[in-house]
Amino acid sequence: MDQQAEVLLIGGRAGVGKTTVGWEVSARLRAAMVAHCVIEGDFMGQAHPAPEGDPGRRKIAERNLTALWSNYAELGYRRLIYTHTVSVLAEHEGMFQRAMGANVRIVRVVLTASDATVRERLTARELGSELEHELASSARKARILEERTPPDTVCVATDGRAVVDIAREVVDTADWLPRAAG
């Protein structure tokens, strides 16, 4: 009997630590021998110029997610960690249902950070010509997330916190670790 597919969506503005937290969540799950896979959503639509008729690159991102998930599912995986800025928004739910099955269990987590923390992190990360663009985009996405994040989304603050502590909270939200006997 097939287990239900599950996806842990880790969203948040640029600079909150989505990728870092996603990898730490994966480390915690690996340590507990919980089968899962990880997809960095930013890479699913990286095609330039955008494919004709797909200016937001959503169609190509969905096609790539569907192909990757098909490969993982064929090998027996049922849990996916997916990191991407706005993946938690309700308008993206259909993409995961089409790629992973209509009954996929979706767990949404939005990581948050102050403007000062985001500026510090992005300044350290963006060593090329994209810093000002990333800062503006991050602020715009923060507003979108504040306005449109579904009510079942868990918000996790990252300011001044260790990645292992943030990941522990995110893993607890997903409820993917085996429960202790007793």
Protein backbone atom coordinates (compact mmCIF):
# COMPACT_ATOMS: atom_id res chain seq x y z
CA MET A 1 0.00 0.00 0.00
CA ASP A 2 1.37 3.40 -0.97
CA GLN A 3 1.96 5.94 1.75
CA GLN A 4 0.56 9.41 1.28
CA ALA A 5 3.04 11.86 -0.25
CA GLU A 6 3.99 14.78 1.98
CA VAL A 7 5.74 18.05 1.23
CA LEU A 8 7.29 20.43 3.73
CA LEU A 9 7.28 23.86 2.11
CA ILE A 10 9.85 26.23 3.58
CA GLY A 11 9.16 29.75 2.36
CA GLY A 12 10.21 33.25 3.30
CA ARG A 13 11.83 36.33 1.86
CA ALA A 14 15.41 36.24 0.55
CA GLY A 15 17.90 36.21 3.39
CA VAL A 16 15.83 34.41 6.03
CA GLY A 17 17.78 31.15 5.71
CA LYS A 18 15.45 28.85 3.76
CA THR A 19 18.17 26.83 2.06
CA THR A 20 20.33 26.58 5.18
CA VAL A 21 17.36 25.53 7.32
CA GLY A 22 16.22 23.07 4.64
CA TRP A 23 19.60 21.34 4.70
CA GLU A 24 19.61 21.27 8.51
CA VAL A 25 16.10 19.77 8.50
CA SER A 26 17.46 17.14 6.12
CA ALA A 27 20.39 16.47 8.48
CA ARG A 28 17.99 15.93 11.40
CA LEU A 29 15.87 13.55 9.32
CA ARG A 30 18.95 11.66 8.09
CA ALA A 31 20.12 11.24 11.68
CA ALA A 32 16.74 9.71 12.52
CA MET A 33 16.84 7.51 9.38
CA VAL A 34 13.72 9.18 7.92
CA ALA A 35 13.60 8.80 4.14
CA HIS A 36 13.12 12.09 2.31
CA CYS A 37 14.39 14.19 -0.56
CA VAL A 38 15.22 17.89 -0.89
CA ILE A 39 14.53 20.26 -3.76
CA GLU A 40 15.69 23.87 -3.88
CA GLY A 41 12.77 25.48 -5.69
CA ASP A 42 14.81 28.43 -6.94
CA PHE A 43 16.51 26.10 -9.40
CA MET A 44 13.31 24.65 -10.88
CA GLY A 45 12.69 27.62 -13.17
CA GLN A 46 16.20 28.85 -13.95
CA ALA A 47 15.91 29.27 -17.70
CA HIS A 48 16.89 32.51 -19.42
CA PRO A 49 15.17 33.97 -21.24
CA ALA A 50 11.93 32.65 -19.79
CA PRO A 51 10.29 30.02 -21.99
CA GLU A 52 7.79 31.48 -24.44
CA GLY A 53 4.38 31.83 -22.83
CA ASP A 54 5.83 31.33 -19.33
CA PRO A 55 7.09 34.75 -18.18
CA GLY A 56 7.00 33.83 -14.47
CA ARG A 57 8.65 30.47 -15.20
CA ARG A 58 5.88 28.66 -13.29
CA LYS A 59 5.19 26.16 -16.07
CA ILE A 60 8.80 25.08 -16.43
CA ALA A 61 9.19 24.96 -12.64
CA GLU A 62 6.17 22.67 -12.38
CA ARG A 63 7.40 20.44 -15.20
CA ASN A 64 10.79 20.11 -13.51
CA LEU A 65 9.22 19.42 -10.10
CA THR A 66 6.94 16.79 -11.66
CA ALA A 67 9.88 15.06 -13.35
CA LEU A 68 12.04 15.07 -10.22
CA TRP A 69 9.23 13.94 -7.94
CA SER A 70 8.32 11.14 -10.38
CA ASN A 71 11.87 9.83 -10.10
CA TYR A 72 11.88 10.06 -6.31
CA ALA A 73 8.42 8.47 -5.97
CA GLU A 74 9.40 5.61 -8.28
CA LEU A 75 12.22 4.85 -5.84
CA GLY A 76 9.79 4.84 -2.91
CA TYR A 77 10.24 8.33 -1.45
CA ARG A 78 7.12 9.92 0.03
CA ARG A 79 8.49 13.02 1.80
CA LEU A 80 9.84 16.15 0.14
CA ILE A 81 11.46 19.23 1.63
CA TYR A 82 10.91 22.07 -0.84
CA THR A 83 12.46 25.48 -0.27
CA HIS A 84 11.29 28.49 -2.24
CA THR A 85 10.33 32.05 -1.37
CA VAL A 86 6.59 31.98 -2.10
CA SER A 87 5.95 28.22 -2.33
CA VAL A 88 3.72 28.44 0.77
CA LEU A 89 1.10 30.61 -0.94
CA ALA A 90 -2.23 28.92 -1.67
CA GLU A 91 -1.91 29.68 -5.38
CA HIS A 92 1.03 27.22 -5.56
CA GLU A 93 -0.85 24.36 -3.89
CA GLY A 94 -2.09 23.07 -7.25
CA MET A 95 1.46 22.66 -8.52
CA PHE A 96 2.26 20.25 -5.69
CA GLN A 97 -1.04 18.39 -6.10
CA ARG A 98 -0.42 17.93 -9.83
CA ALA A 99 3.22 16.91 -9.32
CA MET A 100 2.80 14.72 -6.22
CA GLY A 101 -0.83 13.61 -6.26
CA ALA A 102 -4.13 15.22 -5.34
CA ASN A 103 -4.02 13.95 -1.76
CA VAL A 104 -0.50 15.23 -0.97
CA ARG A 105 -0.19 16.44 2.63
CA ILE A 106 1.17 19.99 2.54
CA VAL A 107 2.95 21.48 5.56
CA ARG A 108 3.72 25.18 5.27
CA VAL A 109 6.44 27.03 7.19
CA VAL A 110 7.45 30.64 6.60
CA LEU A 111 10.77 31.76 7.99
CA THR A 112 10.93 35.41 9.02
CA ALA A 113 13.71 37.89 9.80
CA SER A 114 13.98 41.61 10.37
CA ASP A 115 15.09 43.97 7.61
CA ALA A 116 18.42 44.45 9.43
CA THR A 117 19.07 40.70 9.64
CA VAL A 118 18.14 40.20 5.99
CA ARG A 119 20.43 43.06 4.91
CA GLU A 120 23.32 41.58 6.89
CA ARG A 121 22.81 38.09 5.46
CA LEU A 122 22.31 39.23 1.87
CA THR A 123 25.34 41.54 2.04
CA ALA A 124 27.45 38.55 3.09
CA ARG A 125 25.92 36.28 0.42
CA GLU A 126 25.56 38.51 -2.65
CA LEU A 127 29.12 39.11 -3.74
CA GLY A 128 28.29 40.04 -7.32
CA SER A 129 26.09 42.69 -8.87
CA GLU A 130 22.73 41.53 -7.45
CA LEU A 131 22.73 42.95 -3.88
CA GLU A 132 20.41 45.92 -4.42
CA HIS A 133 18.07 43.85 -6.60
CA GLU A 134 17.95 41.10 -3.95
CA LEU A 135 17.27 43.59 -1.14
CA ALA A 136 14.39 45.19 -3.05
CA SER A 137 12.99 41.83 -4.12
CA SER A 138 13.24 40.51 -0.55
CA ALA A 139 11.26 43.47 0.81
CA ARG A 140 8.61 43.03 -1.91
CA LYS A 141 8.28 39.30 -1.23
CA ALA A 142 8.04 39.95 2.53
CA ARG A 143 4.99 42.16 1.88
CA ILE A 144 3.42 39.53 -0.38
CA LEU A 145 3.97 36.82 2.23
CA GLU A 146 2.53 39.00 5.01
CA GLU A 147 -0.59 39.66 2.96
CA ARG A 148 -1.22 36.25 1.39
CA THR A 149 0.23 33.49 3.55
CA PRO A 150 -2.52 30.93 4.34
CA PRO A 151 -3.66 30.77 7.97
CA ASP A 152 -2.45 27.18 8.44
CA THR A 153 1.16 28.30 7.87
CA VAL A 154 3.57 28.17 10.81
CA CYS A 155 5.80 31.25 11.09
CA VAL A 156 9.28 30.73 12.49
CA ALA A 157 11.50 33.68 13.38
CA THR A 158 15.19 33.29 12.50
CA ASP A 159 16.69 36.47 13.99
CA GLY A 160 19.49 35.69 16.43
CA ARG A 161 18.75 31.95 16.47
CA ALA A 162 20.97 28.98 15.74
CA VAL A 163 20.12 27.04 12.59
CA VAL A 164 19.83 23.79 14.56
CA ASP A 165 17.16 25.33 16.80
CA ILE A 166 15.21 26.69 13.84
CA ALA A 167 15.41 23.32 12.07
CA ARG A 168 14.21 21.53 15.21
CA GLU A 169 11.10 23.73 15.24
CA VAL A 170 10.48 23.13 11.53
CA VAL A 171 10.90 19.35 11.88
CA ASP A 172 8.48 19.37 14.82
CA THR A 173 5.97 21.22 12.62
CA ALA A 174 6.25 18.57 9.89
CA ASP A 175 5.86 15.77 12.47
CA TRP A 176 8.10 13.43 10.46
CA LEU A 177 10.25 12.06 13.26
CA PRO A 178 9.31 8.73 14.80
CA ARG A 179 7.68 9.03 18.19
CA ALA A 180 9.55 7.59 21.16
CA ALA A 181 8.04 4.37 22.48
CA GLY A 182 6.51 4.50 25.89
